[in-house]
Amino acid sequence: MSEGRYPRTWTWAKDGHTISGQYVRVEQGMTREFGPKAIVVLHVGGEDRSLWIFETALKEKLASELERRGAAEFEVGERIVVSRGEAKVVSEAGRGYWPITVEFPDRQTGTAAAILGAAVRDDSSAGAAHPRIGSIVPASPTDDDIPFAPSTI
């Protein structure tokens, strides 16, 4: 792999099984053996580090997070934590793979509508201030601010 124009590469065996840093950017680098590969640049311990994306599972987890967000880019400065298992695991099909976990501790969780799965109208009233929050609305003669009818027990 060529590293001349990229920040120093994070090496799992030398640097540790977990990298945690602030997102800087994604770019693409060329390797002699594997061709073009994605590189996630994270700011770790006061310097930018390159995390070359060789594992299919890692690439899929990063892509899946962007799809979940409906975004084309991670937020610059958000923390991303990637951990790779200490040893390869053998699948039921007999193939070896590195177990990978990816966390996004600072990610935006989304709007209330997205979290609840609500359909949102696309009109000018969407996002307008609630009439009772942040503004003074004159009360009508029949408005006694009781949100329900009193019961007679």
N, C-alpha and C. Protein backbone atom coordinates (compact mmCIF):
# COMPACT_ATOMS: atom_id res chain seq x y z
N MET A 1 0.85 -1.18 0.00
CA MET A 1 0.00 0.00 0.00
C MET A 1 0.88 1.23 0.00
N SER A 2 0.44 2.25 -0.68
CA SER A 2 1.18 3.49 -0.77
C SER A 2 0.68 4.44 0.30
N GLU A 3 1.61 5.05 1.03
CA GLU A 3 1.20 5.90 2.15
C GLU A 3 1.77 7.30 2.05
N GLY A 4 2.53 7.59 1.03
CA GLY A 4 3.23 8.85 0.93
C GLY A 4 2.38 10.09 1.09
N ARG A 5 1.23 10.15 0.49
CA ARG A 5 0.42 11.37 0.55
C ARG A 5 -0.73 11.29 1.54
N TYR A 6 -0.79 10.23 2.31
CA TYR A 6 -1.86 10.05 3.29
C TYR A 6 -1.28 10.13 4.69
N PRO A 7 -2.13 10.48 5.67
CA PRO A 7 -1.65 10.44 7.06
C PRO A 7 -1.19 9.02 7.42
N ARG A 8 -0.39 8.94 8.45
CA ARG A 8 0.16 7.65 8.89
C ARG A 8 -0.96 6.62 9.06
N THR A 9 -0.71 5.43 8.56
CA THR A 9 -1.71 4.35 8.59
C THR A 9 -1.86 3.76 9.98
N TRP A 10 -3.12 3.50 10.37
CA TRP A 10 -3.40 2.77 11.60
C TRP A 10 -3.18 1.30 11.29
N THR A 11 -2.29 0.66 12.03
CA THR A 11 -1.98 -0.75 11.84
C THR A 11 -2.52 -1.51 13.04
N TRP A 12 -3.46 -2.41 12.81
CA TRP A 12 -4.12 -3.13 13.90
C TRP A 12 -3.11 -3.83 14.81
N ALA A 13 -2.16 -4.54 14.23
CA ALA A 13 -1.20 -5.31 15.03
C ALA A 13 -0.28 -4.41 15.86
N LYS A 14 0.07 -3.25 15.34
CA LYS A 14 1.00 -2.36 16.03
C LYS A 14 0.30 -1.32 16.90
N ASP A 15 -0.80 -0.75 16.39
CA ASP A 15 -1.45 0.37 17.08
C ASP A 15 -2.59 -0.05 18.01
N GLY A 16 -3.09 -1.26 17.88
CA GLY A 16 -4.15 -1.73 18.75
C GLY A 16 -5.38 -2.15 17.98
N HIS A 17 -6.28 -2.82 18.68
CA HIS A 17 -7.47 -3.38 18.05
C HIS A 17 -8.65 -2.41 17.99
N THR A 18 -8.47 -1.22 18.56
CA THR A 18 -9.53 -0.21 18.51
C THR A 18 -8.93 1.13 18.14
N ILE A 19 -9.56 1.77 17.17
CA ILE A 19 -9.20 3.14 16.82
C ILE A 19 -10.42 4.01 17.11
N SER A 20 -10.18 5.11 17.83
CA SER A 20 -11.25 6.04 18.18
C SER A 20 -10.74 7.43 17.87
N GLY A 21 -11.46 8.14 17.01
CA GLY A 21 -11.03 9.48 16.67
C GLY A 21 -12.14 10.30 16.05
N GLN A 22 -11.84 11.57 15.80
CA GLN A 22 -12.80 12.46 15.17
C GLN A 22 -12.65 12.34 13.65
N TYR A 23 -13.81 12.24 13.01
CA TYR A 23 -13.85 12.10 11.56
C TYR A 23 -13.30 13.35 10.88
N VAL A 24 -12.41 13.11 9.88
CA VAL A 24 -11.85 14.20 9.09
C VAL A 24 -12.38 14.13 7.66
N ARG A 25 -12.22 12.96 7.02
CA ARG A 25 -12.66 12.81 5.63
C ARG A 25 -12.53 11.35 5.20
N VAL A 26 -13.09 11.06 4.03
CA VAL A 26 -12.88 9.78 3.35
C VAL A 26 -12.24 10.10 2.02
N GLU A 27 -11.26 9.31 1.66
CA GLU A 27 -10.66 9.44 0.34
C GLU A 27 -10.36 8.06 -0.20
N GLN A 28 -9.79 8.01 -1.37
CA GLN A 28 -9.48 6.71 -1.97
C GLN A 28 -7.99 6.65 -2.25
N GLY A 29 -7.41 5.51 -1.92
CA GLY A 29 -5.99 5.30 -2.17
C GLY A 29 -5.79 4.05 -3.01
N MET A 30 -4.66 3.97 -3.64
CA MET A 30 -4.36 2.83 -4.50
C MET A 30 -3.36 1.91 -3.81
N THR A 31 -3.68 0.62 -3.83
CA THR A 31 -2.76 -0.38 -3.29
C THR A 31 -2.23 -1.21 -4.46
N ARG A 32 -1.00 -1.72 -4.30
CA ARG A 32 -0.43 -2.57 -5.35
C ARG A 32 -1.18 -3.90 -5.43
N GLU A 33 -1.51 -4.45 -4.30
CA GLU A 33 -2.09 -5.79 -4.25
C GLU A 33 -3.60 -5.83 -4.45
N PHE A 34 -4.32 -4.84 -3.91
CA PHE A 34 -5.78 -4.89 -3.91
C PHE A 34 -6.46 -3.82 -4.77
N GLY A 35 -5.69 -2.96 -5.42
CA GLY A 35 -6.27 -1.90 -6.23
C GLY A 35 -6.77 -0.75 -5.37
N PRO A 36 -7.78 0.00 -5.84
CA PRO A 36 -8.28 1.15 -5.08
C PRO A 36 -9.04 0.72 -3.82
N LYS A 37 -8.77 1.42 -2.73
CA LYS A 37 -9.43 1.16 -1.45
C LYS A 37 -9.81 2.47 -0.80
N ALA A 38 -10.91 2.45 -0.05
CA ALA A 38 -11.33 3.63 0.71
C ALA A 38 -10.41 3.80 1.91
N ILE A 39 -10.22 5.05 2.30
CA ILE A 39 -9.44 5.40 3.48
C ILE A 39 -10.29 6.35 4.31
N VAL A 40 -10.51 6.01 5.57
CA VAL A 40 -11.19 6.92 6.48
C VAL A 40 -10.09 7.60 7.30
N VAL A 41 -10.05 8.91 7.26
CA VAL A 41 -9.05 9.67 8.02
C VAL A 41 -9.71 10.14 9.31
N LEU A 42 -9.12 9.73 10.44
CA LEU A 42 -9.60 10.11 11.76
C LEU A 42 -8.50 10.87 12.49
N HIS A 43 -8.90 11.85 13.28
CA HIS A 43 -7.95 12.59 14.12
C HIS A 43 -7.84 11.84 15.44
N VAL A 44 -6.66 11.25 15.68
CA VAL A 44 -6.44 10.37 16.84
C VAL A 44 -5.19 10.83 17.57
N GLY A 45 -5.31 11.10 18.87
CA GLY A 45 -4.15 11.43 19.67
C GLY A 45 -3.34 12.60 19.14
N GLY A 46 -4.01 13.61 18.62
CA GLY A 46 -3.33 14.82 18.17
C GLY A 46 -2.83 14.77 16.73
N GLU A 47 -3.10 13.70 16.01
CA GLU A 47 -2.67 13.62 14.61
C GLU A 47 -3.71 12.90 13.76
N ASP A 48 -3.71 13.20 12.48
CA ASP A 48 -4.59 12.49 11.55
C ASP A 48 -3.99 11.12 11.26
N ARG A 49 -4.85 10.11 11.23
CA ARG A 49 -4.43 8.74 10.94
C ARG A 49 -5.32 8.18 9.84
N SER A 50 -4.74 7.38 8.96
CA SER A 50 -5.47 6.73 7.87
C SER A 50 -5.90 5.34 8.28
N LEU A 51 -7.18 5.06 8.15
CA LEU A 51 -7.70 3.72 8.37
C LEU A 51 -8.10 3.19 7.00
N TRP A 52 -7.26 2.31 6.44
CA TRP A 52 -7.54 1.73 5.13
C TRP A 52 -8.65 0.70 5.29
N ILE A 53 -9.63 0.74 4.42
CA ILE A 53 -10.80 -0.12 4.52
C ILE A 53 -10.60 -1.36 3.63
N PHE A 54 -9.99 -2.39 4.22
CA PHE A 54 -9.77 -3.64 3.51
C PHE A 54 -10.89 -4.64 3.78
N GLU A 55 -11.46 -4.61 4.97
CA GLU A 55 -12.50 -5.57 5.36
C GLU A 55 -13.85 -5.18 4.76
N THR A 56 -14.47 -6.12 4.08
CA THR A 56 -15.79 -5.88 3.49
C THR A 56 -16.80 -5.49 4.56
N ALA A 57 -16.74 -6.16 5.71
CA ALA A 57 -17.69 -5.86 6.80
C ALA A 57 -17.55 -4.42 7.26
N LEU A 58 -16.33 -3.92 7.34
CA LEU A 58 -16.13 -2.54 7.77
C LEU A 58 -16.70 -1.57 6.75
N LYS A 59 -16.43 -1.80 5.49
CA LYS A 59 -16.96 -0.94 4.43
C LYS A 59 -18.49 -0.94 4.46
N GLU A 60 -19.08 -2.12 4.63
CA GLU A 60 -20.54 -2.22 4.66
C GLU A 60 -21.14 -1.52 5.87
N LYS A 61 -20.47 -1.60 7.02
CA LYS A 61 -21.00 -0.94 8.22
C LYS A 61 -20.95 0.58 8.09
N LEU A 62 -19.88 1.10 7.50
CA LEU A 62 -19.79 2.54 7.28
C LEU A 62 -20.84 3.00 6.27
N ALA A 63 -20.98 2.25 5.18
CA ALA A 63 -21.97 2.60 4.15
C ALA A 63 -23.39 2.51 4.71
N SER A 64 -23.64 1.48 5.52
CA SER A 64 -24.96 1.30 6.11
C SER A 64 -25.33 2.46 7.03
N GLU A 65 -24.35 2.98 7.77
CA GLU A 65 -24.61 4.12 8.65
C GLU A 65 -24.99 5.36 7.83
N LEU A 66 -24.30 5.59 6.73
CA LEU A 66 -24.65 6.74 5.88
C LEU A 66 -26.06 6.56 5.30
N GLU A 67 -26.39 5.34 4.88
CA GLU A 67 -27.74 5.09 4.36
C GLU A 67 -28.79 5.31 5.44
N ARG A 68 -28.52 4.84 6.66
CA ARG A 68 -29.45 5.02 7.77
C ARG A 68 -29.71 6.50 8.01
N ARG A 69 -28.67 7.30 7.88
CA ARG A 69 -28.79 8.74 8.10
C ARG A 69 -29.42 9.45 6.92
N GLY A 70 -29.37 8.83 5.75
CA GLY A 70 -29.79 9.51 4.54
C GLY A 70 -28.83 10.63 4.19
N ALA A 71 -27.55 10.39 4.45
CA ALA A 71 -26.52 11.42 4.26
C ALA A 71 -25.42 10.91 3.33
N ALA A 72 -24.74 11.83 2.69
CA ALA A 72 -23.63 11.48 1.81
C ALA A 72 -22.29 11.56 2.53
N GLU A 73 -22.30 12.09 3.74
CA GLU A 73 -21.04 12.35 4.44
C GLU A 73 -21.25 12.23 5.95
N PHE A 74 -20.21 11.79 6.66
CA PHE A 74 -20.23 11.84 8.12
C PHE A 74 -19.99 13.29 8.53
N GLU A 75 -20.33 13.64 9.75
CA GLU A 75 -20.10 14.99 10.26
C GLU A 75 -18.63 15.16 10.64
N VAL A 76 -17.99 16.17 10.08
CA VAL A 76 -16.60 16.44 10.43
C VAL A 76 -16.52 16.69 11.93
N GLY A 77 -15.61 15.99 12.60
CA GLY A 77 -15.44 16.13 14.04
C GLY A 77 -16.19 15.10 14.87
N GLU A 78 -17.15 14.39 14.27
CA GLU A 78 -17.86 13.37 15.04
C GLU A 78 -16.94 12.20 15.33
N ARG A 79 -17.15 11.59 16.48
CA ARG A 79 -16.30 10.47 16.89
C ARG A 79 -16.77 9.19 16.22
N ILE A 80 -15.79 8.45 15.71
CA ILE A 80 -16.04 7.13 15.14
C ILE A 80 -15.09 6.17 15.84
N VAL A 81 -15.63 5.04 16.29
CA VAL A 81 -14.84 4.04 17.00
C VAL A 81 -14.95 2.73 16.22
N VAL A 82 -13.80 2.21 15.79
CA VAL A 82 -13.77 0.95 15.04
C VAL A 82 -12.91 -0.03 15.83
N SER A 83 -13.47 -1.21 16.07
CA SER A 83 -12.72 -2.27 16.76
C SER A 83 -12.67 -3.49 15.87
N ARG A 84 -11.50 -4.09 15.82
CA ARG A 84 -11.32 -5.33 15.07
C ARG A 84 -10.90 -6.41 16.06
N GLY A 85 -11.52 -7.58 15.95
CA GLY A 85 -11.20 -8.68 16.85
C GLY A 85 -9.72 -9.00 16.83
N GLU A 86 -9.26 -9.67 17.88
CA GLU A 86 -7.85 -10.02 17.99
C GLU A 86 -7.47 -11.18 17.08
N ALA A 87 -8.44 -11.96 16.66
CA ALA A 87 -8.15 -13.10 15.79
C ALA A 87 -9.29 -13.29 14.80
N LYS A 88 -8.98 -13.90 13.68
CA LYS A 88 -10.01 -14.20 12.71
C LYS A 88 -10.94 -15.26 13.27
N VAL A 89 -12.18 -15.19 12.83
CA VAL A 89 -13.21 -16.14 13.20
C VAL A 89 -13.57 -16.91 11.94
N VAL A 90 -13.90 -18.17 12.08
CA VAL A 90 -14.29 -18.97 10.93
C VAL A 90 -15.80 -19.06 10.87
N SER A 91 -16.35 -18.72 9.72
CA SER A 91 -17.81 -18.76 9.53
C SER A 91 -18.28 -20.20 9.35
N GLU A 92 -19.59 -20.38 9.36
CA GLU A 92 -20.16 -21.71 9.12
C GLU A 92 -19.79 -22.24 7.75
N ALA A 93 -19.53 -21.33 6.81
CA ALA A 93 -19.14 -21.72 5.45
C ALA A 93 -17.65 -22.04 5.36
N GLY A 94 -16.95 -21.89 6.50
CA GLY A 94 -15.53 -22.22 6.51
C GLY A 94 -14.61 -21.09 6.09
N ARG A 95 -15.13 -19.89 5.97
CA ARG A 95 -14.31 -18.74 5.57
C ARG A 95 -13.89 -17.95 6.80
N GLY A 96 -12.64 -17.50 6.81
CA GLY A 96 -12.15 -16.70 7.91
C GLY A 96 -12.47 -15.22 7.71
N TYR A 97 -12.80 -14.52 8.78
CA TYR A 97 -13.06 -13.08 8.70
C TYR A 97 -12.69 -12.44 10.03
N TRP A 98 -12.43 -11.14 9.97
CA TRP A 98 -12.15 -10.37 11.18
C TRP A 98 -13.47 -9.82 11.71
N PRO A 99 -13.83 -10.11 12.96
CA PRO A 99 -15.03 -9.48 13.51
C PRO A 99 -14.77 -7.98 13.69
N ILE A 100 -15.70 -7.18 13.22
CA ILE A 100 -15.57 -5.72 13.24
C ILE A 100 -16.78 -5.11 13.92
N THR A 101 -16.55 -4.14 14.79
CA THR A 101 -17.64 -3.34 15.33
C THR A 101 -17.34 -1.88 15.03
N VAL A 102 -18.37 -1.13 14.74
CA VAL A 102 -18.24 0.30 14.46
C VAL A 102 -19.28 1.03 15.29
N GLU A 103 -18.83 2.05 16.00
CA GLU A 103 -19.75 2.86 16.81
C GLU A 103 -19.64 4.32 16.39
N PHE A 104 -20.74 5.02 16.52
CA PHE A 104 -20.83 6.44 16.19
C PHE A 104 -21.41 7.16 17.40
N PRO A 105 -20.61 7.32 18.47
CA PRO A 105 -21.15 7.86 19.72
C PRO A 105 -21.74 9.26 19.61
N ASP A 106 -21.29 10.06 18.66
CA ASP A 106 -21.76 11.44 18.54
C ASP A 106 -22.81 11.63 17.46
N ARG A 107 -23.28 10.54 16.87
CA ARG A 107 -24.17 10.70 15.72
C ARG A 107 -25.47 11.38 16.08
N GLN A 108 -25.98 12.10 15.12
CA GLN A 108 -27.29 12.73 15.23
C GLN A 108 -28.30 11.59 15.21
N THR A 109 -29.20 11.57 16.15
CA THR A 109 -30.15 10.47 16.20
C THR A 109 -31.31 10.65 15.24
N GLY A 110 -31.45 11.82 14.68
CA GLY A 110 -32.52 12.05 13.72
C GLY A 110 -33.64 12.88 14.32
N THR A 111 -34.56 13.22 13.47
CA THR A 111 -35.71 14.00 13.91
C THR A 111 -36.71 13.09 14.61
N ALA A 112 -37.62 13.67 15.32
CA ALA A 112 -38.66 12.90 15.98
C ALA A 112 -39.45 12.11 14.95
N ALA A 113 -39.76 12.73 13.81
CA ALA A 113 -40.52 12.05 12.76
C ALA A 113 -39.75 10.83 12.24
N ALA A 114 -38.46 10.97 12.03
CA ALA A 114 -37.67 9.85 11.53
C ALA A 114 -37.60 8.73 12.56
N ILE A 115 -37.41 9.07 13.82
CA ILE A 115 -37.32 8.06 14.88
C ILE A 115 -38.64 7.31 15.03
N LEU A 116 -39.74 8.05 14.95
CA LEU A 116 -41.05 7.44 15.14
C LEU A 116 -41.64 6.87 13.85
N GLY A 117 -40.99 7.13 12.73
CA GLY A 117 -41.49 6.63 11.45
C GLY A 117 -42.72 7.36 10.96
N ALA A 118 -42.83 8.63 11.32
CA ALA A 118 -44.00 9.41 10.92
C ALA A 118 -43.79 10.05 9.56
N ALA A 119 -44.86 10.08 8.80
CA ALA A 119 -44.83 10.79 7.52
C ALA A 119 -44.96 12.27 7.83
N VAL A 120 -44.17 13.08 7.15
CA VAL A 120 -44.18 14.52 7.40
C VAL A 120 -44.64 15.21 6.13
N ARG A 121 -45.60 16.13 6.31
CA ARG A 121 -46.06 16.93 5.16
C ARG A 121 -44.96 17.86 4.72
N ASP A 122 -44.88 18.07 3.45
CA ASP A 122 -43.89 18.99 2.91
C ASP A 122 -44.60 20.29 2.53
N ASP A 123 -44.89 21.12 3.56
CA ASP A 123 -45.54 22.39 3.28
C ASP A 123 -44.92 23.46 4.17
N SER A 124 -45.36 24.67 4.00
CA SER A 124 -44.75 25.79 4.72
C SER A 124 -45.04 25.76 6.21
N SER A 125 -46.07 25.02 6.63
CA SER A 125 -46.36 24.98 8.06
C SER A 125 -45.46 23.99 8.80
N ALA A 126 -44.79 23.12 8.06
CA ALA A 126 -43.89 22.17 8.72
C ALA A 126 -42.75 22.95 9.36
N GLY A 127 -42.47 22.63 10.58
CA GLY A 127 -41.38 23.30 11.30
C GLY A 127 -41.77 24.63 11.90
N ALA A 128 -43.02 25.07 11.72
CA ALA A 128 -43.44 26.34 12.31
C ALA A 128 -43.49 26.19 13.82
N ALA A 129 -43.32 27.28 14.50
CA ALA A 129 -43.33 27.26 15.96
C ALA A 129 -44.69 26.81 16.46
N HIS A 130 -44.69 26.06 17.53
CA HIS A 130 -45.93 25.64 18.16
C HIS A 130 -46.62 26.90 18.70
N PRO A 131 -47.94 27.04 18.50
CA PRO A 131 -48.61 28.28 18.91
C PRO A 131 -48.54 28.56 20.40
N ARG A 132 -48.31 27.57 21.23
CA ARG A 132 -48.27 27.78 22.67
C ARG A 132 -46.84 27.83 23.21
N ILE A 133 -45.85 27.53 22.38
CA ILE A 133 -44.47 27.52 22.84
C ILE A 133 -43.72 28.64 22.13
N GLY A 134 -43.13 29.50 22.87
CA GLY A 134 -42.30 30.56 22.29
C GLY A 134 -43.05 31.72 21.71
N SER A 135 -44.37 31.77 21.84
CA SER A 135 -45.12 32.91 21.36
C SER A 135 -46.34 33.10 22.25
N ILE A 136 -46.84 34.29 22.25
CA ILE A 136 -48.02 34.59 23.06
C ILE A 136 -49.22 34.59 22.12
N VAL A 137 -50.19 33.76 22.46
CA VAL A 137 -51.40 33.67 21.65
C VAL A 137 -52.55 34.19 22.52
N PRO A 138 -53.26 35.19 22.01
CA PRO A 138 -54.37 35.70 22.81
C PRO A 138 -55.42 34.61 23.01
N ALA A 139 -55.93 34.50 24.23
CA ALA A 139 -56.92 33.48 24.54
C ALA A 139 -58.27 33.90 24.01
N SER A 140 -59.02 32.93 23.55
CA SER A 140 -60.38 33.21 23.11
C SER A 140 -61.26 33.20 24.37
N PRO A 141 -62.45 33.77 24.30
CA PRO A 141 -63.31 33.82 25.49
C PRO A 141 -63.62 32.43 26.04
N THR A 142 -63.63 31.40 25.20
CA THR A 142 -63.96 30.06 25.69
C THR A 142 -62.71 29.26 26.04
N ASP A 143 -61.55 29.82 25.85
CA ASP A 143 -60.30 29.10 26.12
C ASP A 143 -59.90 29.32 27.57
N ASP A 144 -60.01 28.27 28.38
CA ASP A 144 -59.62 28.40 29.78
C ASP A 144 -58.32 27.66 30.08
N ASP A 145 -57.57 27.30 29.01
CA ASP A 145 -56.30 26.60 29.13
C ASP A 145 -56.41 25.22 29.76
N ILE A 146 -57.60 24.67 29.84
CA ILE A 146 -57.76 23.30 30.32
C ILE A 146 -57.81 22.41 29.09
N PRO A 147 -56.84 21.49 28.97
CA PRO A 147 -56.75 20.71 27.74
C PRO A 147 -57.78 19.58 27.64
N PHE A 148 -58.67 19.45 28.63
CA PHE A 148 -59.66 18.40 28.60
C PHE A 148 -60.92 18.90 29.30
N ALA A 149 -61.98 18.20 29.07
CA ALA A 149 -63.24 18.59 29.73
C ALA A 149 -63.23 18.06 31.15
N PRO A 150 -63.60 18.89 32.12
CA PRO A 150 -63.62 18.39 33.51
C PRO A 150 -64.65 17.29 33.64
N SER A 151 -64.30 16.29 34.43
CA SER A 151 -65.23 15.17 34.61
C SER A 151 -66.06 15.42 35.87
N THR A 152 -67.22 14.86 35.86
CA THR A 152 -68.07 14.94 37.07
C THR A 152 -68.18 13.54 37.61
N ILE A 153 -67.62 13.36 38.75
CA ILE A 153 -67.60 12.02 39.36
C ILE A 153 -68.57 11.97 40.49
